[in-house]
Protein backbone atom coordinates (compact mmCIF):
# COMPACT_ATOMS: atom_id res chain seq x y z
CA MET A 1 96.03 31.60 -12.47
CA LYS A 2 93.12 32.93 -10.48
CA LEU A 3 89.84 31.06 -10.05
CA GLU A 4 87.14 33.67 -10.71
CA HIS A 5 83.94 31.61 -10.71
CA THR A 6 82.66 28.15 -9.91
CA PHE A 7 79.52 27.64 -11.93
CA ARG A 8 76.73 25.11 -12.22
CA GLU A 9 75.65 25.87 -15.79
CA GLY A 10 77.06 27.86 -18.68
CA ILE A 11 75.48 28.93 -21.96
CA PHE A 12 78.00 30.16 -24.55
CA ALA A 13 75.93 31.37 -27.51
CA ALA A 14 78.67 33.18 -29.46
CA PRO A 15 81.98 34.94 -28.85
CA LYS A 16 81.48 37.48 -26.02
CA ILE A 17 77.88 36.35 -25.45
CA TYR A 18 77.48 34.06 -22.44
CA TYR A 19 75.44 33.26 -19.33
CA LEU A 20 76.90 31.60 -16.23
CA GLU A 21 74.79 30.32 -13.34
CA LEU A 22 77.06 30.22 -10.31
CA GLU A 23 76.94 27.64 -7.54
CA ASN A 24 75.78 30.27 -5.03
CA GLY A 25 72.65 30.95 -7.16
CA SER A 26 73.73 34.24 -8.73
CA SER A 27 74.47 34.69 -12.42
CA VAL A 28 77.12 36.36 -14.58
CA THR A 29 76.08 37.58 -18.03
CA LYS A 30 77.93 39.15 -20.94
CA CYS A 31 76.43 40.34 -24.21
CA LYS A 32 78.53 42.36 -26.65
CA GLY A 33 76.83 45.44 -28.01
CA TYR A 34 73.93 45.35 -25.55
CA SER A 35 74.17 47.08 -22.20
CA GLY A 36 70.98 45.60 -20.73
CA LYS A 37 70.53 42.24 -19.06
CA LEU A 38 69.28 39.25 -21.02
CA ARG A 39 67.30 36.45 -19.40
CA LYS A 40 68.43 32.83 -19.47
CA GLU A 41 65.67 32.00 -21.98
CA GLN A 42 67.04 34.63 -24.37
CA TYR A 43 70.52 33.05 -24.23
CA LEU A 44 68.93 29.68 -25.03
CA GLU A 45 67.22 31.23 -28.08
CA LEU A 46 70.59 32.59 -29.24
CA LEU A 47 72.11 29.14 -28.73
CA LYS A 48 69.48 27.72 -31.12
CA GLY A 49 70.60 30.25 -33.73
CA ASN A 50 67.61 32.59 -33.44
CA ALA A 51 68.11 36.36 -33.52
CA LEU A 52 66.75 38.61 -30.76
CA ASP A 53 64.94 41.88 -31.46
CA LEU A 54 65.94 44.31 -28.71
CA PHE A 55 65.84 48.05 -28.05
CA ILE A 56 68.88 50.13 -27.07
CA THR A 57 69.75 53.71 -26.13
CA ARG A 58 72.57 55.43 -28.03
CA TRP A 59 74.14 58.79 -27.37
CA LYS A 60 76.33 61.04 -29.47
CA ARG A 61 78.22 64.14 -28.39
CA SER A 62 79.23 67.10 -30.49
CA LEU A 63 82.23 69.06 -29.29
CA VAL A 64 81.60 71.74 -31.91
CA GLU A 65 77.99 72.34 -30.80
CA GLY A 66 78.67 71.53 -27.16
CA SER A 67 75.73 69.14 -26.99
CA VAL A 68 74.85 65.53 -26.27
CA GLN A 69 72.12 63.82 -28.27
CA ILE A 70 70.39 60.79 -26.71
CA LYS A 71 68.30 58.45 -28.87
CA ARG A 72 66.12 56.01 -26.93
CA ASN A 73 64.37 52.78 -27.96
CA LEU A 74 66.34 52.23 -31.15
CA PRO A 75 65.81 48.75 -32.64
CA TYR A 76 68.78 46.41 -32.28
CA VAL A 77 68.98 42.87 -33.69
CA LEU A 78 71.31 40.56 -31.79
CA ASN A 79 72.35 37.79 -34.15
CA PRO A 80 74.74 35.03 -33.00
CA LEU A 81 76.94 34.97 -36.10
CA PHE A 82 80.06 32.91 -36.51
CA ASN A 83 82.38 34.39 -39.11
CA LYS A 84 85.59 32.66 -38.06
CA ARG A 85 84.37 29.20 -37.07
CA GLN A 86 81.84 26.67 -38.31
CA LYS A 87 79.29 25.00 -36.04
CA VAL A 88 79.50 21.22 -35.61
CA ILE A 89 75.98 19.76 -35.39
CA GLU A 90 75.43 16.20 -34.16
CA ASN A 91 71.97 14.64 -33.75
CA GLY A 92 70.39 18.06 -34.29
CA LYS A 93 72.38 19.70 -31.47
CA TRP A 94 75.28 22.11 -31.65
CA ILE A 95 78.16 20.35 -29.89
CA ASN A 96 81.34 22.10 -31.01
CA THR A 97 82.97 24.43 -33.54
CA ARG A 98 85.83 24.02 -35.98
CA PRO A 99 87.91 26.52 -37.97
CA LEU A 100 86.63 27.52 -41.39
CA ASP A 101 88.37 25.69 -44.26
CA LEU A 102 89.28 28.32 -46.85
CA SER A 103 91.23 25.99 -49.15
CA THR A 104 89.91 25.67 -52.69
CA SER A 105 90.84 22.01 -53.17
């Protein structure tokens, strides 16, 4: 295995949404569906379960018309949803997750 990062702090708000503060002072961020950079405070809001209202730019090409259409400042709501796991809350803080129990009994 390859060691990619040594970090001081990590915020993992949802699958494919995380913030890492590295030991050298730089940061690594990942946010699915959003190409911009989020601030650390925004990741903490997502960790609390709050949605973020953001703006994105989308583009669409038409091979038939031979054109590219760019739409700027479209509203985008980033919501940290868990559809495969359930949050484990202890003393008012999210500490872990567990698989969803789909049994009927």
